[in-house]
């Protein structure tokens, strides 16, 4: 007994298109026919594809107007490609004046600067919180490096009292 593997509707849709194009081989045709016997939706898709093919086949042939290909090619060649926008030579020449101005400003416009001292994140938060409230808020304890477990527990338990004030 020869059993045909089941085909999903997605696979059947691809097979319908291959059948309409004439590229369906024997095994795929058997699988499609087995699926079409049980699936109404796919039979309707095949019928719709056949209707479209019949309409297109029934249209009369018509020659393209004189100069059609030349006009199309002129339009295609006139539009810049996206690769032209990435061309480094074009950008180099266009941005050369801007680069020259930046070099002059950097050389003459600014005096020497001093490097800022590095600051720890915990210190930054503590300073910020102290500026906002006038004193360090309870949660600033969480950012400190050396905090005892007792101090953390006390801060968590008393934070609600401080927030209510």
N, C-alpha and C. Protein backbone atom coordinates (compact mmCIF):
# COMPACT_ATOMS: atom_id res chain seq x y z
N UNK A 1 0.84 -1.18 0.00
CA UNK A 1 0.00 0.00 0.00
C UNK A 1 0.89 1.24 0.00
N UNK A 2 0.63 2.16 -0.90
CA UNK A 2 1.44 3.37 -1.06
C UNK A 2 0.73 4.53 -0.37
N UNK A 3 1.34 5.08 0.67
CA UNK A 3 0.72 6.21 1.38
C UNK A 3 1.39 7.50 0.95
N UNK A 4 0.59 8.53 0.83
CA UNK A 4 1.08 9.85 0.43
C UNK A 4 1.28 10.67 1.69
N UNK A 5 2.47 11.31 1.85
CA UNK A 5 2.68 12.14 3.04
C UNK A 5 1.72 13.33 3.04
N UNK A 6 1.32 13.70 4.25
CA UNK A 6 0.38 14.82 4.36
C UNK A 6 1.09 16.13 4.04
N UNK A 7 0.32 17.04 3.49
CA UNK A 7 0.83 18.35 3.09
C UNK A 7 0.02 19.41 3.80
N UNK A 8 0.71 20.40 4.36
CA UNK A 8 0.01 21.51 5.02
C UNK A 8 -0.51 22.48 3.97
N UNK A 9 -1.38 23.39 4.40
CA UNK A 9 -1.94 24.38 3.47
C UNK A 9 -0.86 25.32 2.95
N UNK A 10 0.14 25.65 3.79
CA UNK A 10 1.23 26.51 3.33
C UNK A 10 2.04 25.82 2.24
N UNK A 11 2.33 24.54 2.45
CA UNK A 11 3.06 23.78 1.42
C UNK A 11 2.21 23.64 0.16
N UNK A 12 0.91 23.43 0.34
CA UNK A 12 0.01 23.28 -0.81
C UNK A 12 -0.07 24.57 -1.61
N UNK A 13 -0.04 25.72 -0.95
CA UNK A 13 -0.10 27.00 -1.67
C UNK A 13 1.12 27.14 -2.58
N UNK A 14 2.30 26.75 -2.08
CA UNK A 14 3.50 26.80 -2.91
C UNK A 14 3.40 25.81 -4.07
N UNK A 15 2.83 24.64 -3.80
CA UNK A 15 2.68 23.64 -4.86
C UNK A 15 1.67 24.09 -5.92
N UNK A 16 0.63 24.82 -5.50
CA UNK A 16 -0.36 25.35 -6.45
C UNK A 16 0.32 26.31 -7.41
N UNK A 17 1.16 27.17 -6.87
CA UNK A 17 1.88 28.12 -7.74
C UNK A 17 2.82 27.40 -8.69
N UNK A 18 3.51 26.37 -8.18
CA UNK A 18 4.41 25.60 -9.06
C UNK A 18 3.62 24.89 -10.16
N UNK A 19 2.42 24.40 -9.83
CA UNK A 19 1.60 23.74 -10.86
C UNK A 19 1.18 24.76 -11.92
N UNK A 20 0.80 25.95 -11.51
CA UNK A 20 0.37 26.97 -12.47
C UNK A 20 1.53 27.40 -13.38
N UNK A 21 2.75 27.33 -12.88
CA UNK A 21 3.91 27.71 -13.68
C UNK A 21 4.44 26.54 -14.50
N UNK A 22 3.91 25.34 -14.25
CA UNK A 22 4.32 24.16 -15.00
C UNK A 22 5.60 23.53 -14.47
N UNK A 23 5.94 23.76 -13.22
CA UNK A 23 7.19 23.24 -12.64
C UNK A 23 6.95 22.13 -11.63
N UNK A 24 5.78 21.61 -11.56
CA UNK A 24 5.45 20.60 -10.55
C UNK A 24 5.82 19.21 -11.07
N UNK A 25 6.63 18.48 -10.31
CA UNK A 25 7.01 17.13 -10.74
C UNK A 25 5.97 16.12 -10.24
N UNK A 26 6.15 14.85 -10.56
CA UNK A 26 5.15 13.82 -10.29
C UNK A 26 4.83 13.63 -8.82
N UNK A 27 5.85 13.51 -7.96
CA UNK A 27 5.63 13.27 -6.53
C UNK A 27 4.92 14.46 -5.88
N UNK A 28 5.34 15.68 -6.25
CA UNK A 28 4.70 16.87 -5.68
C UNK A 28 3.25 16.98 -6.15
N UNK A 29 3.00 16.59 -7.40
CA UNK A 29 1.64 16.61 -7.94
C UNK A 29 0.73 15.65 -7.19
N UNK A 30 1.24 14.49 -6.86
CA UNK A 30 0.45 13.51 -6.10
C UNK A 30 0.13 14.05 -4.72
N UNK A 31 1.14 14.66 -4.06
CA UNK A 31 0.91 15.25 -2.73
C UNK A 31 -0.12 16.37 -2.79
N UNK A 32 -0.02 17.23 -3.83
CA UNK A 32 -0.98 18.33 -3.96
C UNK A 32 -2.38 17.80 -4.20
N UNK A 33 -2.52 16.82 -5.09
CA UNK A 33 -3.84 16.27 -5.38
C UNK A 33 -4.46 15.63 -4.14
N UNK A 34 -3.64 14.94 -3.33
CA UNK A 34 -4.14 14.33 -2.10
C UNK A 34 -4.62 15.40 -1.12
N UNK A 35 -3.91 16.51 -1.07
CA UNK A 35 -4.31 17.59 -0.16
C UNK A 35 -5.59 18.27 -0.67
N UNK A 36 -5.68 18.47 -1.98
CA UNK A 36 -6.85 19.14 -2.56
C UNK A 36 -8.12 18.34 -2.37
N UNK A 37 -8.01 17.01 -2.26
CA UNK A 37 -9.19 16.18 -2.03
C UNK A 37 -9.84 16.46 -0.68
N UNK A 38 -9.04 16.92 0.29
CA UNK A 38 -9.57 17.13 1.64
C UNK A 38 -9.67 18.60 2.05
N UNK A 39 -9.14 19.52 1.24
CA UNK A 39 -9.08 20.94 1.68
C UNK A 39 -9.84 21.83 0.70
N UNK A 40 -10.95 22.38 1.18
CA UNK A 40 -11.77 23.29 0.38
C UNK A 40 -11.04 24.59 0.06
N UNK A 41 -10.36 25.14 1.07
CA UNK A 41 -9.69 26.44 0.91
C UNK A 41 -8.63 26.37 -0.18
N UNK A 42 -7.87 25.30 -0.22
CA UNK A 42 -6.82 25.17 -1.23
C UNK A 42 -7.40 24.94 -2.62
N UNK A 43 -8.54 24.24 -2.69
CA UNK A 43 -9.21 24.07 -3.99
C UNK A 43 -9.66 25.43 -4.52
N UNK A 44 -10.14 26.30 -3.63
CA UNK A 44 -10.56 27.64 -4.05
C UNK A 44 -9.35 28.47 -4.50
N UNK A 45 -8.21 28.29 -3.83
CA UNK A 45 -6.99 29.01 -4.24
C UNK A 45 -6.55 28.57 -5.63
N UNK A 46 -6.62 27.26 -5.89
CA UNK A 46 -6.24 26.75 -7.21
C UNK A 46 -7.20 27.28 -8.28
N UNK A 47 -8.49 27.31 -7.97
CA UNK A 47 -9.47 27.83 -8.93
C UNK A 47 -9.23 29.31 -9.21
N UNK A 48 -8.90 30.07 -8.17
CA UNK A 48 -8.63 31.50 -8.36
C UNK A 48 -7.39 31.71 -9.21
N UNK A 49 -6.36 30.90 -8.99
CA UNK A 49 -5.14 31.01 -9.80
C UNK A 49 -5.44 30.68 -11.27
N UNK A 50 -6.26 29.70 -11.49
CA UNK A 50 -6.63 29.33 -12.87
C UNK A 50 -7.42 30.45 -13.55
N UNK A 51 -8.32 31.11 -12.79
CA UNK A 51 -9.08 32.23 -13.36
C UNK A 51 -8.16 33.37 -13.77
N UNK A 52 -7.21 33.70 -12.91
CA UNK A 52 -6.26 34.77 -13.23
C UNK A 52 -5.44 34.40 -14.46
N UNK A 53 -4.97 33.16 -14.53
CA UNK A 53 -4.19 32.71 -15.68
C UNK A 53 -5.01 32.79 -16.96
N UNK A 54 -6.29 32.43 -16.89
CA UNK A 54 -7.16 32.49 -18.07
C UNK A 54 -7.37 33.93 -18.53
N UNK A 55 -7.57 34.85 -17.59
CA UNK A 55 -7.75 36.26 -17.95
C UNK A 55 -6.49 36.80 -18.61
N UNK A 56 -5.34 36.49 -18.03
CA UNK A 56 -4.09 36.99 -18.60
C UNK A 56 -3.81 36.38 -19.97
N UNK A 57 -4.15 35.10 -20.13
CA UNK A 57 -3.92 34.44 -21.42
C UNK A 57 -4.87 34.98 -22.49
N UNK A 58 -6.03 35.47 -22.10
CA UNK A 58 -7.02 35.98 -23.05
C UNK A 58 -6.77 37.42 -23.51
N UNK A 59 -5.83 38.09 -22.91
CA UNK A 59 -5.56 39.48 -23.31
C UNK A 59 -4.80 39.49 -24.63
N UNK A 60 -5.14 40.44 -25.50
CA UNK A 60 -4.43 40.51 -26.78
C UNK A 60 -3.00 41.04 -26.58
N UNK A 61 -2.09 40.56 -27.42
CA UNK A 61 -0.72 41.06 -27.37
C UNK A 61 -0.69 42.47 -27.93
N UNK A 62 0.10 43.30 -27.32
CA UNK A 62 0.18 44.68 -27.77
C UNK A 62 1.64 45.09 -27.74
N UNK A 63 2.08 45.75 -28.77
CA UNK A 63 3.48 46.17 -28.87
C UNK A 63 3.70 47.40 -27.99
N UNK A 64 4.89 47.50 -27.45
CA UNK A 64 5.24 48.67 -26.64
C UNK A 64 5.38 49.88 -27.56
N UNK A 65 5.02 51.08 -27.07
CA UNK A 65 5.16 52.27 -27.91
C UNK A 65 6.62 52.52 -28.29
N UNK A 66 6.80 53.23 -29.37
CA UNK A 66 8.13 53.53 -29.87
C UNK A 66 8.91 54.36 -28.84
N UNK A 67 10.12 53.98 -28.51
CA UNK A 67 10.96 54.70 -27.57
C UNK A 67 10.70 54.36 -26.11
N UNK A 68 9.86 53.37 -25.86
CA UNK A 68 9.50 53.01 -24.48
C UNK A 68 10.74 52.58 -23.69
N UNK A 69 11.53 51.69 -24.24
CA UNK A 69 12.71 51.18 -23.54
C UNK A 69 13.72 52.30 -23.28
N UNK A 70 13.88 53.21 -24.22
CA UNK A 70 14.83 54.32 -24.05
C UNK A 70 14.39 55.23 -22.91
N UNK A 71 13.09 55.54 -22.83
CA UNK A 71 12.59 56.40 -21.76
C UNK A 71 12.76 55.73 -20.39
N UNK A 72 12.49 54.46 -20.31
CA UNK A 72 12.64 53.73 -19.04
C UNK A 72 14.11 53.72 -18.61
N UNK A 73 15.01 53.42 -19.53
CA UNK A 73 16.43 53.37 -19.19
C UNK A 73 16.94 54.75 -18.76
N UNK A 74 16.44 55.82 -19.37
CA UNK A 74 16.87 57.16 -18.98
C UNK A 74 16.42 57.48 -17.55
N UNK A 75 15.24 57.05 -17.18
CA UNK A 75 14.76 57.28 -15.81
C UNK A 75 15.57 56.47 -14.81
N UNK A 76 15.90 55.25 -15.15
CA UNK A 76 16.67 54.41 -14.24
C UNK A 76 18.08 54.93 -14.03
N UNK A 77 18.71 55.44 -15.07
CA UNK A 77 20.07 55.93 -14.96
C UNK A 77 20.15 57.28 -14.27
N UNK A 78 19.09 58.08 -14.30
CA UNK A 78 19.16 59.41 -13.72
C UNK A 78 19.06 59.41 -12.20
N UNK A 79 18.45 58.41 -11.61
CA UNK A 79 18.32 58.37 -10.15
C UNK A 79 19.59 57.83 -9.52
N UNK A 80 20.12 58.52 -8.48
CA UNK A 80 21.34 58.02 -7.83
C UNK A 80 21.05 56.75 -7.04
N UNK A 81 21.99 55.85 -7.08
CA UNK A 81 21.86 54.62 -6.32
C UNK A 81 22.25 54.88 -4.88
N UNK A 82 21.81 54.02 -3.98
CA UNK A 82 22.13 54.20 -2.56
C UNK A 82 23.62 54.05 -2.33
N UNK A 83 24.29 53.28 -3.20
CA UNK A 83 25.73 53.10 -3.05
C UNK A 83 26.48 54.40 -3.33
N UNK A 84 25.91 55.24 -4.21
CA UNK A 84 26.53 56.54 -4.47
C UNK A 84 26.53 57.42 -3.24
N UNK A 85 25.52 57.27 -2.37
CA UNK A 85 25.45 58.07 -1.16
C UNK A 85 26.51 57.67 -0.15
N UNK A 86 27.01 56.44 -0.24
CA UNK A 86 28.00 55.93 0.69
C UNK A 86 29.42 56.17 0.16
N UNK A 87 29.54 56.70 -1.04
CA UNK A 87 30.84 56.91 -1.66
C UNK A 87 31.69 57.85 -0.80
N UNK A 88 32.77 57.36 -0.25
CA UNK A 88 33.59 58.14 0.68
C UNK A 88 34.29 59.30 0.00
N UNK A 89 34.58 59.20 -1.30
CA UNK A 89 35.27 60.29 -1.98
C UNK A 89 34.39 61.54 -2.07
N UNK A 90 33.11 61.32 -2.38
CA UNK A 90 32.19 62.46 -2.46
C UNK A 90 32.07 63.13 -1.10
N UNK A 91 31.90 62.33 -0.04
CA UNK A 91 31.76 62.89 1.30
C UNK A 91 33.06 63.58 1.74
N UNK A 92 34.20 63.05 1.35
CA UNK A 92 35.48 63.66 1.73
C UNK A 92 35.59 65.05 1.15
N UNK A 93 35.29 65.20 -0.14
CA UNK A 93 35.43 66.52 -0.77
C UNK A 93 34.38 67.50 -0.26
N UNK A 94 33.18 67.03 0.03
CA UNK A 94 32.13 67.92 0.51
C UNK A 94 32.37 68.37 1.94
N UNK A 95 32.99 67.52 2.76
CA UNK A 95 33.20 67.84 4.17
C UNK A 95 34.58 68.43 4.46
N UNK A 96 35.42 68.57 3.44
CA UNK A 96 36.76 69.12 3.66
C UNK A 96 36.72 70.52 4.26
N UNK A 97 35.87 71.45 3.79
CA UNK A 97 35.82 72.77 4.42
C UNK A 97 35.39 72.72 5.88
N UNK A 98 34.44 71.86 6.19
CA UNK A 98 33.98 71.73 7.58
C UNK A 98 35.11 71.20 8.45
N UNK A 99 35.86 70.23 7.96
CA UNK A 99 36.98 69.69 8.72
C UNK A 99 38.05 70.75 8.93
N UNK A 100 38.31 71.57 7.92
CA UNK A 100 39.32 72.63 8.06
C UNK A 100 38.91 73.63 9.12
N UNK A 101 37.64 74.01 9.15
CA UNK A 101 37.16 74.96 10.17
C UNK A 101 37.28 74.35 11.56
N UNK A 102 36.97 73.09 11.71
CA UNK A 102 37.08 72.43 13.02
C UNK A 102 38.53 72.37 13.49
N UNK A 103 39.46 72.16 12.57
CA UNK A 103 40.88 72.13 12.95
C UNK A 103 41.33 73.51 13.41
N UNK A 104 40.91 74.55 12.71
CA UNK A 104 41.30 75.92 13.10
C UNK A 104 40.69 76.27 14.45
N UNK A 105 39.43 75.95 14.68
CA UNK A 105 38.78 76.24 15.96
C UNK A 105 39.46 75.47 17.08
N UNK A 106 39.80 74.23 16.83
CA UNK A 106 40.44 73.43 17.86
C UNK A 106 41.83 73.96 18.18
N UNK A 107 42.54 74.45 17.17
CA UNK A 107 43.91 74.92 17.39
C UNK A 107 43.95 76.29 18.06
N UNK A 108 43.07 77.20 17.65
CA UNK A 108 43.16 78.58 18.14
C UNK A 108 42.03 79.01 19.06
N UNK A 109 40.94 78.32 19.00
CA UNK A 109 39.75 78.77 19.72
C UNK A 109 39.71 78.42 21.18
N UNK A 110 40.38 77.41 21.60
CA UNK A 110 40.29 76.97 22.98
C UNK A 110 41.67 76.92 23.60
N UNK A 111 41.73 77.28 24.85
CA UNK A 111 42.97 77.18 25.60
C UNK A 111 43.11 75.78 26.16
N UNK A 112 44.20 75.54 26.82
CA UNK A 112 44.38 74.22 27.41
C UNK A 112 43.34 73.97 28.50
N UNK A 113 42.95 72.76 28.62
CA UNK A 113 41.96 72.39 29.63
C UNK A 113 42.58 71.40 30.59
N UNK A 114 42.02 71.35 31.78
CA UNK A 114 42.48 70.41 32.78
C UNK A 114 41.52 69.24 32.83
N UNK A 115 42.08 68.09 33.04
CA UNK A 115 41.25 66.90 33.14
C UNK A 115 40.50 66.89 34.46
N UNK A 116 39.29 66.47 34.45
CA UNK A 116 38.49 66.39 35.66
C UNK A 116 38.94 65.19 36.48
N UNK A 117 38.84 65.33 37.76
CA UNK A 117 39.18 64.22 38.66
C UNK A 117 38.10 63.16 38.57
N UNK A 118 38.47 61.90 38.54
CA UNK A 118 37.44 60.85 38.52
C UNK A 118 36.66 60.85 39.83
N UNK A 119 35.40 60.52 39.74
CA UNK A 119 34.54 60.50 40.92
C UNK A 119 33.80 59.18 40.96
N UNK A 120 33.64 58.65 42.13
CA UNK A 120 32.91 57.40 42.31
C UNK A 120 31.41 57.65 42.14
N UNK A 121 30.71 56.67 41.63
CA UNK A 121 29.28 56.79 41.43
C UNK A 121 28.55 57.01 42.75
N UNK A 122 28.96 56.31 43.78
CA UNK A 122 28.31 56.44 45.09
C UNK A 122 28.47 57.87 45.62
N UNK A 123 29.67 58.46 45.42
CA UNK A 123 29.88 59.84 45.87
C UNK A 123 29.01 60.80 45.08
N UNK A 124 28.90 60.56 43.79
CA UNK A 124 28.06 61.42 42.95
C UNK A 124 26.60 61.39 43.40
N UNK A 125 26.09 60.21 43.69
CA UNK A 125 24.70 60.08 44.14
C UNK A 125 24.52 60.75 45.50
N UNK A 126 25.47 60.56 46.38
CA UNK A 126 25.36 61.17 47.71
C UNK A 126 25.35 62.69 47.61
N UNK A 127 26.23 63.24 46.77
CA UNK A 127 26.25 64.70 46.58
C UNK A 127 24.95 65.20 45.98
N UNK A 128 24.46 64.47 45.00
CA UNK A 128 23.21 64.89 44.35
C UNK A 128 22.05 64.84 45.34
N UNK A 129 21.97 63.76 46.10
CA UNK A 129 20.87 63.62 47.06
C UNK A 129 20.98 64.67 48.15
N UNK A 130 22.19 65.00 48.58
CA UNK A 130 22.36 66.01 49.62
C UNK A 130 21.96 67.38 49.11
N UNK A 131 22.23 67.68 47.85
CA UNK A 131 21.85 68.97 47.27
C UNK A 131 20.34 69.09 47.18
N UNK A 132 19.66 67.99 46.86
CA UNK A 132 18.21 68.01 46.70
C UNK A 132 17.49 68.19 48.04
N UNK A 133 17.93 67.51 49.07
CA UNK A 133 17.17 67.50 50.32
C UNK A 133 17.84 68.30 51.44
N UNK A 134 19.07 68.69 51.26
CA UNK A 134 19.77 69.39 52.32
C UNK A 134 20.58 68.44 53.18
N UNK A 135 20.22 67.18 53.22
CA UNK A 135 20.99 66.15 53.90
C UNK A 135 20.84 64.86 53.11
N UNK A 136 21.72 63.94 53.33
CA UNK A 136 21.69 62.70 52.56
C UNK A 136 20.43 61.90 52.90
N UNK A 137 19.68 61.45 51.91
CA UNK A 137 18.48 60.65 52.18
C UNK A 137 18.88 59.24 52.61
N UNK A 138 17.96 58.53 53.19
CA UNK A 138 18.28 57.18 53.68
C UNK A 138 18.77 56.23 52.59
N UNK A 139 18.22 56.35 51.38
CA UNK A 139 18.61 55.40 50.35
C UNK A 139 20.06 55.59 49.89
N UNK A 140 20.69 56.70 50.23
CA UNK A 140 22.09 56.90 49.83
C UNK A 140 23.01 55.90 50.50
N UNK A 141 22.55 55.28 51.58
CA UNK A 141 23.35 54.25 52.25
C UNK A 141 23.56 53.06 51.33
N UNK A 142 22.61 52.81 50.43
CA UNK A 142 22.69 51.66 49.55
C UNK A 142 23.86 51.76 48.57
N UNK A 143 24.34 52.97 48.26
CA UNK A 143 25.43 53.14 47.31
C UNK A 143 26.80 53.20 47.97
N UNK A 144 26.84 53.21 49.26
CA UNK A 144 28.12 53.28 49.95
C UNK A 144 28.80 51.92 49.94
N UNK A 145 30.13 51.95 49.89
CA UNK A 145 30.90 50.71 49.78
C UNK A 145 30.93 49.92 51.08
N UNK A 146 31.32 50.56 52.17
CA UNK A 146 31.49 49.86 53.45
C UNK A 146 30.33 50.19 54.38
N UNK A 147 29.27 49.39 54.29
CA UNK A 147 28.09 49.61 55.13
C UNK A 147 27.82 48.30 55.87
N UNK A 148 27.61 48.42 57.16
CA UNK A 148 27.35 47.21 57.94
C UNK A 148 25.91 46.74 57.71
N UNK A 149 25.70 45.48 57.99
CA UNK A 149 24.36 44.91 57.85
C UNK A 149 23.37 45.59 58.79
N UNK A 150 23.83 45.94 59.99
CA UNK A 150 22.95 46.60 60.96
C UNK A 150 22.49 47.96 60.43
N UNK A 151 23.41 48.71 59.84
CA UNK A 151 23.05 50.03 59.31
C UNK A 151 22.06 49.89 58.16
N UNK A 152 22.26 48.90 57.28
CA UNK A 152 21.31 48.67 56.19
C UNK A 152 19.92 48.32 56.72
N UNK A 153 19.87 47.44 57.70
CA UNK A 153 18.59 47.04 58.28
C UNK A 153 17.90 48.23 58.94
N UNK A 154 18.65 49.02 59.69
CA UNK A 154 18.09 50.20 60.34
C UNK A 154 17.57 51.19 59.31
N UNK A 155 18.29 51.38 58.21
CA UNK A 155 17.88 52.31 57.17
C UNK A 155 16.58 51.86 56.52
N UNK A 156 16.48 50.57 56.23
CA UNK A 156 15.27 50.06 55.60
C UNK A 156 14.07 50.18 56.53
N UNK A 157 14.27 49.89 57.83
CA UNK A 157 13.17 49.94 58.78
C UNK A 157 12.73 51.36 59.09
N UNK A 158 13.63 52.32 59.06
CA UNK A 158 13.27 53.70 59.41
C UNK A 158 13.00 54.57 58.20
N UNK A 159 13.16 54.05 57.02
CA UNK A 159 12.96 54.87 55.82
C UNK A 159 11.52 55.34 55.70
N UNK A 160 10.57 54.54 56.09
CA UNK A 160 9.16 54.95 56.02
C UNK A 160 8.88 56.12 56.96
N UNK A 161 9.50 56.13 58.15
CA UNK A 161 9.33 57.25 59.07
C UNK A 161 9.89 58.53 58.50
N UNK A 162 11.03 58.47 57.84
CA UNK A 162 11.66 59.65 57.26
C UNK A 162 10.82 60.17 56.10
N UNK A 163 10.25 59.27 55.31
CA UNK A 163 9.45 59.65 54.16
C UNK A 163 8.16 60.35 54.58
N UNK A 164 7.59 59.99 55.72
CA UNK A 164 6.34 60.59 56.18
C UNK A 164 6.57 62.02 56.68
N UNK A 165 7.75 62.34 57.11
CA UNK A 165 8.00 63.69 57.69
C UNK A 165 7.97 64.75 56.68
